[in-house]
Amino acid sequence: MKTTVIVNPRAGNGRTGKIWPQIESALINSIGPFQTKQTSCRGDAIHLTRQVLDEGTGRIVAIGGDGHLNEVLNGFIENDVPVNPEARLSFVMTGTGCDFQRSFDISGKWQATSEKLKDAQVRKIDIGKVTYTAADKSQQIRYFDNIASFGLSGAVDHCIEHSRLRNFFGGTLLFLWATIKTVFTHPNQNISFRIDDGPGEKIRTRLGLLANGRFFGGAMYAAPEAELDDGLLDLLILKEISVAKFLWHLPKIYKGTHLQIPEIFYQKVRKFTAESSEQVILDIDGESPGCLPASFEVLPKILNLQI
């Protein structure tokens, strides 16, 4: 089976490019020979993935962060079906947050992940789909492996993207700092939503998320009951809450004990739609491509994950 490794050398603030020769050597020992493709700009991994799948690659290993893995995933799927139903996706995480791998209890060290790929088993997992509103007001589609969210998390993405501190802080500390900083300026917003085929509802919220995986925001244990292959997304919406109370409860999300607090609305869903008269920013696997209105749905067991 032909294997291609797709590398984002800029992941982890450029660290991935520096250590790539070491990762390359470890992967050769683990999975044997492969061809390498390196990305040069945002969105490049989608096109490279599609290209090598069309050329007969049967296994792709993504080297980078959560956003890079998301791009590779979006190269795997077109019109809600796999480009190649037999192709397999693996990863070695070297980015800032590295949240998706936490759902598999995988070590944060790339050496351990690379070694683990030698005997990796294939598992069919669900994928999320978001139809959202882009900056030009067009409707776009993005698939996600981990978590899609709206509100505060999207604003946190923007904060991190434009902060010089991303060059100095590690993943968990960076996301915690950005969350605390952003919550003081990000208000509760009015959201109209619908769950599955149910009635329309309204809520004021700072944050909502649809989870396939369990962790986001640099090790926040956001969806402790989420399963990657149950055909459902875990919906969490933070009800209207003061900044002081939000900060009081914030440590609980790192422990996964926040589902019991009264301000959390929680339900497993197959589809969720939301809109707002305000600008509500999206976060899809650590990237912010647009805003509400948006719809979120699950595509059951369509990805062959070999990890």
C-alpha atoms as a PDB file:
ATOM      1  CA  MET A   1       0.000   0.000   0.000  1.00  0.00           C
ATOM      2  CA  LYS A   2       1.363   3.388  -1.023  1.00  0.00           C
ATOM      3  CA  THR A   3       1.827   5.810   1.896  1.00  0.00           C
ATOM      4  CA  THR A   4       2.116   9.596   1.757  1.00  0.00           C
ATOM      5  CA  VAL A   5       3.166  11.818   4.659  1.00  0.00           C
ATOM      6  CA  ILE A   6       1.817  15.376   4.481  1.00  0.00           C
ATOM      7  CA  VAL A   7       3.775  17.796   6.662  1.00  0.00           C
ATOM      8  CA  ASN A   8       2.957  21.306   7.813  1.00  0.00           C
ATOM      9  CA  PRO A   9       6.441  22.659   8.628  1.00  0.00           C
ATOM     10  CA  ARG A  10       4.957  25.782  10.261  1.00  0.00           C
ATOM     11  CA  ALA A  11       2.986  23.811  12.876  1.00  0.00           C
ATOM     12  CA  GLY A  12       3.951  24.493  16.462  1.00  0.00           C
ATOM     13  CA  ASN A  13       5.252  27.958  15.528  1.00  0.00           C
ATOM     14  CA  GLY A  14       7.732  26.472  13.064  1.00  0.00           C
ATOM     15  CA  ARG A  15       8.999  23.729  15.371  1.00  0.00           C
ATOM     16  CA  THR A  16       7.702  20.974  13.071  1.00  0.00           C
ATOM     17  CA  GLY A  17       9.949  22.038  10.203  1.00  0.00           C
ATOM     18  CA  LYS A  18      12.974  22.014  12.506  1.00  0.00           C
ATOM     19  CA  ILE A  19      12.380  18.523  13.871  1.00  0.00           C
ATOM     20  CA  TRP A  20      11.027  16.993  10.664  1.00  0.00           C
ATOM     21  CA  PRO A  21      14.286  15.094   9.858  1.00  0.00           C
ATOM     22  CA  GLN A  22      13.965  13.313  13.230  1.00  0.00           C
ATOM     23  CA  ILE A  23      10.287  12.547  12.674  1.00  0.00           C
ATOM     24  CA  GLU A  24      11.037  11.300   9.162  1.00  0.00           C
ATOM     25  CA  SER A  25      13.643   8.862  10.473  1.00  0.00           C
ATOM     26  CA  ALA A  26      11.281   7.583  13.187  1.00  0.00           C
ATOM     27  CA  LEU A  27       8.461   7.076  10.678  1.00  0.00           C
ATOM     28  CA  ILE A  28      10.682   5.110   8.278  1.00  0.00           C
ATOM     29  CA  ASN A  29      11.523   2.754  11.138  1.00  0.00           C
ATOM     30  CA  SER A  30       7.857   2.485  12.096  1.00  0.00           C
ATOM     31  CA  ILE A  31       5.863   2.296   8.861  1.00  0.00           C
ATOM     32  CA  GLY A  32       8.467   1.804   6.144  1.00  0.00           C
ATOM     33  CA  PRO A  33       8.984   3.857   2.973  1.00  0.00           C
ATOM     34  CA  PHE A  34       6.715   6.742   2.012  1.00  0.00           C
ATOM     35  CA  GLN A  35       6.593   9.841  -0.141  1.00  0.00           C
ATOM     36  CA  THR A  36       6.534  13.278   1.497  1.00  0.00           C
ATOM     37  CA  LYS A  37       4.536  16.385   0.650  1.00  0.00           C
ATOM     38  CA  GLN A  38       5.017  19.668   2.506  1.00  0.00           C
ATOM     39  CA  THR A  39       2.398  22.407   2.667  1.00  0.00           C
ATOM     40  CA  SER A  40       3.289  25.982   1.807  1.00  0.00           C
ATOM     41  CA  CYS A  41       0.113  27.898   2.709  1.00  0.00           C
ATOM     42  CA  ARG A  42      -3.246  27.590   4.446  1.00  0.00           C
ATOM     43  CA  GLY A  43      -5.561  25.215   2.580  1.00  0.00           C
ATOM     44  CA  ASP A  44      -2.678  23.490   0.816  1.00  0.00           C
ATOM     45  CA  ALA A  45      -3.153  20.202   2.692  1.00  0.00           C
ATOM     46  CA  ILE A  46      -6.691  19.792   1.301  1.00  0.00           C
ATOM     47  CA  HIS A  47      -5.441  19.923  -2.282  1.00  0.00           C
ATOM     48  CA  LEU A  48      -2.356  17.775  -1.621  1.00  0.00           C
ATOM     49  CA  THR A  49      -4.504  15.117   0.060  1.00  0.00           C
ATOM     50  CA  ARG A  50      -6.963  15.006  -2.819  1.00  0.00           C
ATOM     51  CA  GLN A  51      -4.089  14.837  -5.299  1.00  0.00           C
ATOM     52  CA  VAL A  52      -2.284  11.894  -3.709  1.00  0.00           C
ATOM     53  CA  LEU A  53      -5.518   9.986  -3.131  1.00  0.00           C
ATOM     54  CA  ASP A  54      -6.288  10.364  -6.835  1.00  0.00           C
ATOM     55  CA  GLU A  55      -2.768   9.050  -7.567  1.00  0.00           C
ATOM     56  CA  GLY A  56      -3.416   5.855  -5.584  1.00  0.00           C
ATOM     57  CA  THR A  57      -2.166   6.588  -2.064  1.00  0.00           C
ATOM     58  CA  GLY A  58      -3.834   4.210   0.382  1.00  0.00           C
ATOM     59  CA  ARG A  59      -2.583   5.714   3.645  1.00  0.00           C
ATOM     60  CA  ILE A  60      -1.912   9.327   4.575  1.00  0.00           C
ATOM     61  CA  VAL A  61      -0.075  10.418   7.711  1.00  0.00           C
ATOM     62  CA  ALA A  62      -0.682  14.049   8.714  1.00  0.00           C
ATOM     63  CA  ILE A  63       2.188  15.754  10.555  1.00  0.00           C
ATOM     64  CA  GLY A  64       1.183  19.029  12.215  1.00  0.00           C
ATOM     65  CA  GLY A  65      -1.486  20.499  14.453  1.00  0.00           C
ATOM     66  CA  ASP A  66      -5.251  20.136  14.756  1.00  0.00           C
ATOM     67  CA  GLY A  67      -5.851  22.623  11.950  1.00  0.00           C
ATOM     68  CA  HIS A  68      -3.537  20.715   9.603  1.00  0.00           C
ATOM     69  CA  LEU A  69      -5.243  17.423  10.423  1.00  0.00           C
ATOM     70  CA  ASN A  70      -8.577  19.092   9.675  1.00  0.00           C
ATOM     71  CA  GLU A  71      -7.340  20.156   6.244  1.00  0.00           C
ATOM     72  CA  VAL A  72      -6.152  16.635   5.437  1.00  0.00           C
ATOM     73  CA  LEU A  73      -9.540  15.302   6.556  1.00  0.00           C
ATOM     74  CA  ASN A  74     -11.283  17.738   4.217  1.00  0.00           C
ATOM     75  CA  GLY A  75      -9.200  16.314   1.388  1.00  0.00           C
ATOM     76  CA  PHE A  76     -10.460  12.822   2.273  1.00  0.00           C
ATOM     77  CA  ILE A  77     -14.162  13.677   1.908  1.00  0.00           C
ATOM     78  CA  GLU A  78     -16.151  15.193  -0.937  1.00  0.00           C
ATOM     79  CA  ASN A  79     -19.939  15.598  -1.095  1.00  0.00           C
ATOM     80  CA  ASP A  80     -20.254  13.766   2.250  1.00  0.00           C
ATOM     81  CA  VAL A  81     -18.520  10.571   1.084  1.00  0.00           C
ATOM     82  CA  PRO A  82     -14.880   9.415   1.120  1.00  0.00           C
ATOM     83  CA  VAL A  83     -12.875  10.128  -2.034  1.00  0.00           C
ATOM     84  CA  ASN A  84     -11.401   6.639  -1.575  1.00  0.00           C
ATOM     85  CA  PRO A  85     -13.475   4.439   0.794  1.00  0.00           C
ATOM     86  CA  GLU A  86     -10.445   2.199   1.460  1.00  0.00           C
ATOM     87  CA  ALA A  87      -7.941   4.972   2.252  1.00  0.00           C
ATOM     88  CA  ARG A  88      -6.687   5.349   5.811  1.00  0.00           C
ATOM     89  CA  LEU A  89      -5.731   8.426   7.811  1.00  0.00           C
ATOM     90  CA  SER A  90      -3.054   8.502  10.514  1.00  0.00           C
ATOM     91  CA  PHE A  91      -1.427  11.420  12.313  1.00  0.00           C
ATOM     92  CA  VAL A  92       1.494  12.577  14.408  1.00  0.00           C
ATOM     93  CA  MET A  93       0.569  15.757  16.268  1.00  0.00           C
ATOM     94  CA  THR A  94       3.219  18.473  16.513  1.00  0.00           C
ATOM     95  CA  GLY A  95       1.086  21.626  16.785  1.00  0.00           C
ATOM     96  CA  THR A  96       0.083  23.962  19.574  1.00  0.00           C
ATOM     97  CA  GLY A  97      -3.122  22.434  20.953  1.00  0.00           C
ATOM     98  CA  CYS A  98      -2.949  18.780  19.818  1.00  0.00           C
ATOM     99  CA  ASP A  99      -6.429  18.159  21.215  1.00  0.00           C
ATOM    100  CA  PHE A 100      -7.744  15.411  18.939  1.00  0.00           C
ATOM    101  CA  GLN A 101      -5.147  12.876  20.025  1.00  0.00           C
ATOM    102  CA  ARG A 102      -6.186  13.294  23.671  1.00  0.00           C
ATOM    103  CA  SER A 103      -9.393  11.356  22.937  1.00  0.00           C
ATOM    104  CA  PHE A 104      -7.152   8.324  22.276  1.00  0.00           C
ATOM    105  CA  ASP A 105      -4.999   8.800  25.411  1.00  0.00           C
ATOM    106  CA  ILE A 106      -2.010   9.310  23.117  1.00  0.00           C
ATOM    107  CA  SER A 107       1.141  10.819  24.580  1.00  0.00           C
ATOM    108  CA  GLY A 108       1.928  14.382  23.596  1.00  0.00           C
ATOM    109  CA  LYS A 109       5.397  13.277  22.452  1.00  0.00           C
ATOM    110  CA  TRP A 110       5.748  12.684  18.729  1.00  0.00           C
ATOM    111  CA  GLN A 111       8.242   9.885  19.335  1.00  0.00           C
ATOM    112  CA  ALA A 112       5.606   7.761  21.085  1.00  0.00           C
ATOM    113  CA  THR A 113       2.995   8.456  18.420  1.00  0.00           C
ATOM    114  CA  SER A 114       5.382   7.561  15.614  1.00  0.00           C
ATOM    115  CA  GLU A 115       6.269   4.261  17.286  1.00  0.00           C
ATOM    116  CA  LYS A 116       2.586   3.484  17.887  1.00  0.00           C
ATOM    117  CA  LEU A 117       1.879   3.687  14.141  1.00  0.00           C
ATOM    118  CA  LYS A 118       3.860   0.458  13.602  1.00  0.00           C
ATOM    119  CA  ASP A 119       0.996  -1.665  14.991  1.00  0.00           C
ATOM    120  CA  ALA A 120      -1.858   0.812  14.511  1.00  0.00           C
ATOM    121  CA  GLN A 121      -5.323  -0.683  13.966  1.00  0.00           C
ATOM    122  CA  VAL A 122      -7.993   0.706  11.657  1.00  0.00           C
ATOM    123  CA  ARG A 123     -11.118   2.121  13.285  1.00  0.00           C
ATOM    124  CA  LYS A 124     -14.097   3.598  11.485  1.00  0.00           C
ATOM    125  CA  ILE A 125     -15.110   6.900  13.093  1.00  0.00           C
ATOM    126  CA  ASP A 126     -17.805   9.518  12.628  1.00  0.00           C
ATOM    127  CA  ILE A 127     -17.090  12.886  11.061  1.00  0.00           C
ATOM    128  CA  GLY A 128     -18.914  16.167  11.660  1.00  0.00           C
ATOM    129  CA  LYS A 129     -20.090  18.464   8.894  1.00  0.00           C
ATOM    130  CA  VAL A 130     -20.650  22.215   9.182  1.00  0.00           C
ATOM    131  CA  THR A 131     -22.444  24.294   6.572  1.00  0.00           C
ATOM    132  CA  TYR A 132     -21.552  27.846   7.563  1.00  0.00           C
ATOM    133  CA  THR A 133     -21.494  31.464   6.430  1.00  0.00           C
ATOM    134  CA  ALA A 134     -18.151  32.687   5.103  1.00  0.00           C
ATOM    135  CA  ALA A 135     -16.871  36.276   5.222  1.00  0.00           C
ATOM    136  CA  ASP A 136     -18.285  36.963   1.758  1.00  0.00           C
ATOM    137  CA  LYS A 137     -21.723  35.709   2.959  1.00  0.00           C
ATOM    138  CA  SER A 138     -21.520  32.580   0.803  1.00  0.00           C
ATOM    139  CA  GLN A 139     -22.428  29.169   2.215  1.00  0.00           C
ATOM    140  CA  GLN A 140     -19.418  26.874   2.639  1.00  0.00           C
ATOM    141  CA  ILE A 141     -18.929  23.332   3.921  1.00  0.00           C
ATOM    142  CA  ARG A 142     -16.248  22.138   6.315  1.00  0.00           C
ATOM    143  CA  TYR A 143     -15.826  18.676   7.822  1.00  0.00           C
ATOM    144  CA  PHE A 144     -14.399  18.166  11.297  1.00  0.00           C
ATOM    145  CA  ASP A 145     -12.945  15.245  13.221  1.00  0.00           C
ATOM    146  CA  ASN A 146     -12.928  16.779  16.688  1.00  0.00           C
ATOM    147  CA  ILE A 147     -15.093  19.750  17.756  1.00  0.00           C
ATOM    148  CA  ALA A 148     -16.921  22.599  16.053  1.00  0.00           C
ATOM    149  CA  SER A 149     -18.072  25.487  18.218  1.00  0.00           C
ATOM    150  CA  PHE A 150     -19.315  29.071  18.130  1.00  0.00           C
ATOM    151  CA  GLY A 151     -19.042  32.225  20.209  1.00  0.00           C
ATOM    152  CA  LEU A 152     -16.198  32.654  22.682  1.00  0.00           C
ATOM    153  CA  SER A 153     -14.046  29.901  21.150  1.00  0.00           C
ATOM    154  CA  GLY A 154     -14.018  31.611  17.754  1.00  0.00           C
ATOM    155  CA  ALA A 155     -12.989  34.879  19.393  1.00  0.00           C
ATOM    156  CA  VAL A 156     -10.224  33.009  21.250  1.00  0.00           C
ATOM    157  CA  ASP A 157      -8.923  31.734  17.894  1.00  0.00           C
ATOM    158  CA  HIS A 158      -8.688  35.319  16.643  1.00  0.00           C
ATOM    159  CA  CYS A 159      -6.922  36.394  19.842  1.00  0.00           C
ATOM    160  CA  ILE A 160      -4.299  33.656  19.514  1.00  0.00           C
ATOM    161  CA  GLU A 161      -3.837  34.254  15.792  1.00  0.00           C
ATOM    162  CA  HIS A 162      -2.882  37.895  16.377  1.00  0.00           C
ATOM    163  CA  SER A 163      -0.905  37.467  19.605  1.00  0.00           C
ATOM    164  CA  ARG A 164       2.875  37.506  19.867  1.00  0.00           C
ATOM    165  CA  LEU A 165       2.613  35.278  22.934  1.00  0.00           C
ATOM    166  CA  ARG A 166       1.910  32.262  20.692  1.00  0.00           C
ATOM    167  CA  ASN A 167       5.661  32.228  20.058  1.00  0.00           C
ATOM    168  CA  PHE A 168       6.416  31.742  23.755  1.00  0.00           C
ATOM    169  CA  PHE A 169       3.543  29.862  25.441  1.00  0.00           C
ATOM    170  CA  GLY A 170       2.750  26.166  25.168  1.00  0.00           C
ATOM    171  CA  GLY A 171      -0.677  24.902  24.108  1.00  0.00           C
ATOM    172  CA  THR A 172      -2.622  24.671  27.392  1.00  0.00           C
ATOM    173  CA  LEU A 173      -1.208  27.881  28.859  1.00  0.00           C
ATOM    174  CA  LEU A 174      -1.719  29.789  25.611  1.00  0.00           C
ATOM    175  CA  PHE A 175      -5.387  28.779  25.277  1.00  0.00           C
ATOM    176  CA  LEU A 176      -6.068  29.440  28.966  1.00  0.00           C
ATOM    177  CA  TRP A 177      -4.540  32.930  28.733  1.00  0.00           C
ATOM    178  CA  ALA A 178      -6.497  33.719  25.555  1.00  0.00           C
ATOM    179  CA  THR A 179      -9.765  32.423  27.055  1.00  0.00           C
ATOM    180  CA  ILE A 180      -9.433  34.530  30.205  1.00  0.00           C
ATOM    181  CA  LYS A 181      -8.455  37.616  28.204  1.00  0.00           C
ATOM    182  CA  THR A 182     -11.264  37.216  25.672  1.00  0.00           C
ATOM    183  CA  VAL A 183     -14.104  36.490  28.084  1.00  0.00           C
ATOM    184  CA  PHE A 184     -13.864  40.053  29.461  1.00  0.00           C
ATOM    185  CA  THR A 185     -14.726  41.525  26.053  1.00  0.00           C
ATOM    186  CA  HIS A 186     -16.923  38.796  24.556  1.00  0.00           C
ATOM    187  CA  PRO A 187     -20.600  39.200  25.533  1.00  0.00           C
ATOM    188  CA  ASN A 188     -23.449  36.765  25.852  1.00  0.00           C
ATOM    189  CA  GLN A 189     -25.194  36.657  22.453  1.00  0.00           C
ATOM    190  CA  ASN A 190     -28.729  35.862  21.307  1.00  0.00           C
ATOM    191  CA  ILE A 191     -28.936  32.557  19.419  1.00  0.00           C
ATOM    192  CA  SER A 192     -31.918  30.931  17.708  1.00  0.00           C
ATOM    193  CA  PHE A 193     -31.469  27.183  17.273  1.00  0.00           C
ATOM    194  CA  ARG A 194     -33.120  23.897  16.372  1.00  0.00           C
ATOM    195  CA  ILE A 195     -32.131  20.386  17.487  1.00  0.00           C
ATOM    196  CA  ASP A 196     -32.729  17.611  14.945  1.00  0.00           C
ATOM    197  CA  ASP A 197     -36.315  18.116  13.712  1.00  0.00           C
ATOM    198  CA  GLY A 198     -37.532  19.741  16.926  1.00  0.00           C
ATOM    199  CA  PRO A 199     -39.060  23.164  17.489  1.00  0.00           C
ATOM    200  CA  GLY A 200     -37.141  26.421  17.238  1.00  0.00           C
ATOM    201  CA  GLU A 201     -35.651  27.680  20.522  1.00  0.00           C
ATOM    202  CA  LYS A 202     -33.733  30.739  21.720  1.00  0.00           C
ATOM    203  CA  ILE A 203     -30.946  31.234  24.216  1.00  0.00           C
ATOM    204  CA  ARG A 204     -28.359  33.804  25.321  1.00  0.00           C
ATOM    205  CA  THR A 205     -24.931  32.246  25.391  1.00  0.00           C
ATOM    206  CA  ARG A 206     -21.213  32.909  25.258  1.00  0.00           C
ATOM    207  CA  LEU A 207     -20.304  29.484  23.916  1.00  0.00           C
ATOM    208  CA  GLY A 208     -21.826  26.476  22.172  1.00  0.00           C
ATOM    209  CA  LEU A 209     -20.106  23.396  20.809  1.00  0.00           C
ATOM    210  CA  LEU A 210     -20.786  20.206  18.873  1.00  0.00           C
ATOM    211  CA  ALA A 211     -18.324  17.503  19.863  1.00  0.00           C
ATOM    212  CA  ASN A 212     -17.168  14.368  18.111  1.00  0.00           C
ATOM    213  CA  GLY A 213     -13.961  14.161  20.137  1.00  0.00           C
ATOM    214  CA  ARG A 214     -13.637  15.053  23.819  1.00  0.00           C
ATOM    215  CA  PHE A 215     -10.996  17.798  24.112  1.00  0.00           C
ATOM    216  CA  PHE A 216     -10.503  21.285  22.693  1.00  0.00           C
ATOM    217  CA  GLY A 217      -8.925  24.609  23.625  1.00  0.00           C
ATOM    218  CA  GLY A 218      -5.573  23.138  24.644  1.00  0.00           C
ATOM    219  CA  ALA A 219      -6.653  20.244  26.925  1.00  0.00           C
ATOM    220  CA  MET A 220     -10.112  21.423  28.010  1.00  0.00           C
ATOM    221  CA  TYR A 221     -12.084  18.205  28.691  1.00  0.00           C
ATOM    222  CA  ALA A 222     -15.111  19.757  27.027  1.00  0.00           C
ATOM    223  CA  ALA A 223     -17.182  16.696  26.096  1.00  0.00           C
ATOM    224  CA  PRO A 224     -16.314  13.854  28.499  1.00  0.00           C
ATOM    225  CA  GLU A 225     -19.148  11.628  27.220  1.00  0.00           C
ATOM    226  CA  ALA A 226     -18.465  12.054  23.488  1.00  0.00           C
ATOM    227  CA  GLU A 227     -17.771   8.935  21.416  1.00  0.00           C
ATOM    228  CA  LEU A 228     -16.143   8.974  17.996  1.00  0.00           C
ATOM    229  CA  ASP A 229     -18.302   6.196  16.582  1.00  0.00           C
ATOM    230  CA  ASP A 230     -21.769   6.492  18.153  1.00  0.00           C
ATOM    231  CA  GLY A 231     -23.404   8.334  15.239  1.00  0.00           C
ATOM    232  CA  LEU A 232     -24.083  11.385  17.424  1.00  0.00           C
ATOM    233  CA  LEU A 233     -22.570  14.757  18.311  1.00  0.00           C
ATOM    234  CA  ASP A 234     -22.494  16.002  21.902  1.00  0.00           C
ATOM    235  CA  LEU A 235     -24.120  19.437  22.092  1.00  0.00           C
ATOM    236  CA  LEU A 236     -23.108  21.746  24.935  1.00  0.00           C
ATOM    237  CA  ILE A 237     -24.396  25.308  25.290  1.00  0.00           C
ATOM    238  CA  LEU A 238     -23.304  27.605  28.090  1.00  0.00           C
ATOM    239  CA  LYS A 239     -26.382  29.505  29.276  1.00  0.00           C
ATOM    240  CA  GLU A 240     -26.198  33.221  30.080  1.00  0.00           C
ATOM    241  CA  ILE A 241     -23.603  33.682  32.789  1.00  0.00           C
ATOM    242  CA  SER A 242     -21.557  36.472  34.335  1.00  0.00           C
ATOM    243  CA  VAL A 243     -17.819  36.740  33.757  1.00  0.00           C
ATOM    244  CA  ALA A 244     -17.121  36.083  37.439  1.00  0.00           C
ATOM    245  CA  LYS A 245     -19.190  32.917  37.452  1.00  0.00           C
ATOM    246  CA  PHE A 246     -17.643  31.760  34.156  1.00  0.00           C
ATOM    247  CA  LEU A 247     -14.143  32.106  35.608  1.00  0.00           C
ATOM    248  CA  TRP A 248     -15.268  30.332  38.796  1.00  0.00           C
ATOM    249  CA  HIS A 249     -16.424  27.324  36.764  1.00  0.00           C
ATOM    250  CA  LEU A 250     -13.559  27.397  34.220  1.00  0.00           C
ATOM    251  CA  PRO A 251     -11.319  24.884  36.087  1.00  0.00           C
ATOM    252  CA  LYS A 252     -14.124  22.305  35.901  1.00  0.00           C
ATOM    253  CA  ILE A 253     -13.896  22.094  32.109  1.00  0.00           C
ATOM    254  CA  TYR A 254     -10.296  20.879  32.417  1.00  0.00           C
ATOM    255  CA  LYS A 255     -11.487  18.080  34.712  1.00  0.00           C
ATOM    256  CA  GLY A 256     -14.630  17.227  32.730  1.00  0.00           C
ATOM    257  CA  THR A 257     -16.897  17.884  35.727  1.00  0.00           C
ATOM    258  CA  HIS A 258     -18.784  20.839  34.210  1.00  0.00           C
ATOM    259  CA  LEU A 259     -21.782  18.928  32.793  1.00  0.00           C
ATOM    260  CA  GLN A 260     -23.499  19.010  36.176  1.00  0.00           C
ATOM    261  CA  ILE A 261     -23.531  22.785  36.631  1.00  0.00           C
ATOM    262  CA  PRO A 262     -26.949  24.414  36.024  1.00  0.00           C
ATOM    263  CA  GLU A 263     -25.597  26.785  33.378  1.00  0.00           C
ATOM    264  CA  ILE A 264     -24.732  23.941  30.953  1.00  0.00           C
ATOM    265  CA  PHE A 265     -27.288  22.653  28.439  1.00  0.00           C
ATOM    266  CA  TYR A 266     -26.220  19.194  27.267  1.00  0.00           C
ATOM    267  CA  GLN A 267     -27.760  16.758  24.770  1.00  0.00           C
ATOM    268  CA  LYS A 268     -26.651  14.208  22.178  1.00  0.00           C
ATOM    269  CA  VAL A 269     -27.865  15.192  18.697  1.00  0.00           C
ATOM    270  CA  ARG A 270     -27.681  14.226  15.037  1.00  0.00           C
ATOM    271  CA  LYS A 271     -28.191  17.723  13.682  1.00  0.00           C
ATOM    272  CA  PHE A 272     -28.128  21.255  15.067  1.00  0.00           C
ATOM    273  CA  THR A 273     -28.818  24.559  13.314  1.00  0.00           C
ATOM    274  CA  ALA A 274     -28.183  28.021  14.730  1.00  0.00           C
ATOM    275  CA  GLU A 275     -28.445  31.644  13.648  1.00  0.00           C
ATOM    276  CA  SER A 276     -28.140  35.077  15.200  1.00  0.00           C
ATOM    277  CA  SER A 277     -28.640  38.725  14.322  1.00  0.00           C
ATOM    278  CA  GLU A 278     -25.190  39.307  15.871  1.00  0.00           C
ATOM    279  CA  GLN A 279     -21.811  38.218  14.548  1.00  0.00           C
ATOM    280  CA  VAL A 280     -21.160  34.841  16.157  1.00  0.00           C
ATOM    281  CA  ILE A 281     -17.761  33.442  15.174  1.00  0.00           C
ATOM    282  CA  LEU A 282     -17.122  29.761  14.492  1.00  0.00           C
ATOM    283  CA  ASP A 283     -14.224  27.571  15.590  1.00  0.00           C
ATOM    284  CA  ILE A 284     -13.795  24.328  13.605  1.00  0.00           C
ATOM    285  CA  ASP A 285     -10.954  22.116  14.862  1.00  0.00           C
ATOM    286  CA  GLY A 286      -9.019  25.159  16.000  1.00  0.00           C
ATOM    287  CA  GLU A 287      -9.581  27.293  12.906  1.00  0.00           C
ATOM    288  CA  SER A 288     -12.100  30.114  12.408  1.00  0.00           C
ATOM    289  CA  PRO A 289     -13.456  30.057   8.831  1.00  0.00           C
ATOM    290  CA  GLY A 290     -16.738  31.944   9.267  1.00  0.00           C
ATOM    291  CA  CYS A 291     -19.827  32.690  11.335  1.00  0.00           C
ATOM    292  CA  LEU A 292     -23.431  31.735  12.021  1.00  0.00           C
ATOM    293  CA  PRO A 293     -25.896  30.962  10.529  1.00  0.00           C
ATOM    294  CA  ALA A 294     -24.662  27.392  10.365  1.00  0.00           C
ATOM    295  CA  SER A 295     -25.842  23.822  10.525  1.00  0.00           C
ATOM    296  CA  PHE A 296     -23.936  20.977  12.168  1.00  0.00           C
ATOM    297  CA  GLU A 297     -24.537  17.287  11.491  1.00  0.00           C
ATOM    298  CA  VAL A 298     -22.858  13.912  11.889  1.00  0.00           C
ATOM    299  CA  LEU A 299     -21.715  11.568   9.112  1.00  0.00           C
ATOM    300  CA  PRO A 300     -21.513   8.154  10.816  1.00  0.00           C
ATOM    301  CA  LYS A 301     -18.416   5.968  10.453  1.00  0.00           C
ATOM    302  CA  ILE A 302     -17.149   7.283   7.112  1.00  0.00           C
ATOM    303  CA  LEU A 303     -13.445   7.693   7.971  1.00  0.00           C
ATOM    304  CA  ASN A 304     -10.864   4.903   8.300  1.00  0.00           C
ATOM    305  CA  LEU A 305      -8.620   6.135  11.113  1.00  0.00           C
ATOM    306  CA  GLN A 306      -5.441   4.127  11.599  1.00  0.00           C
ATOM    307  CA  ILE A 307      -3.918   5.172  14.907  1.00  0.00           C
END
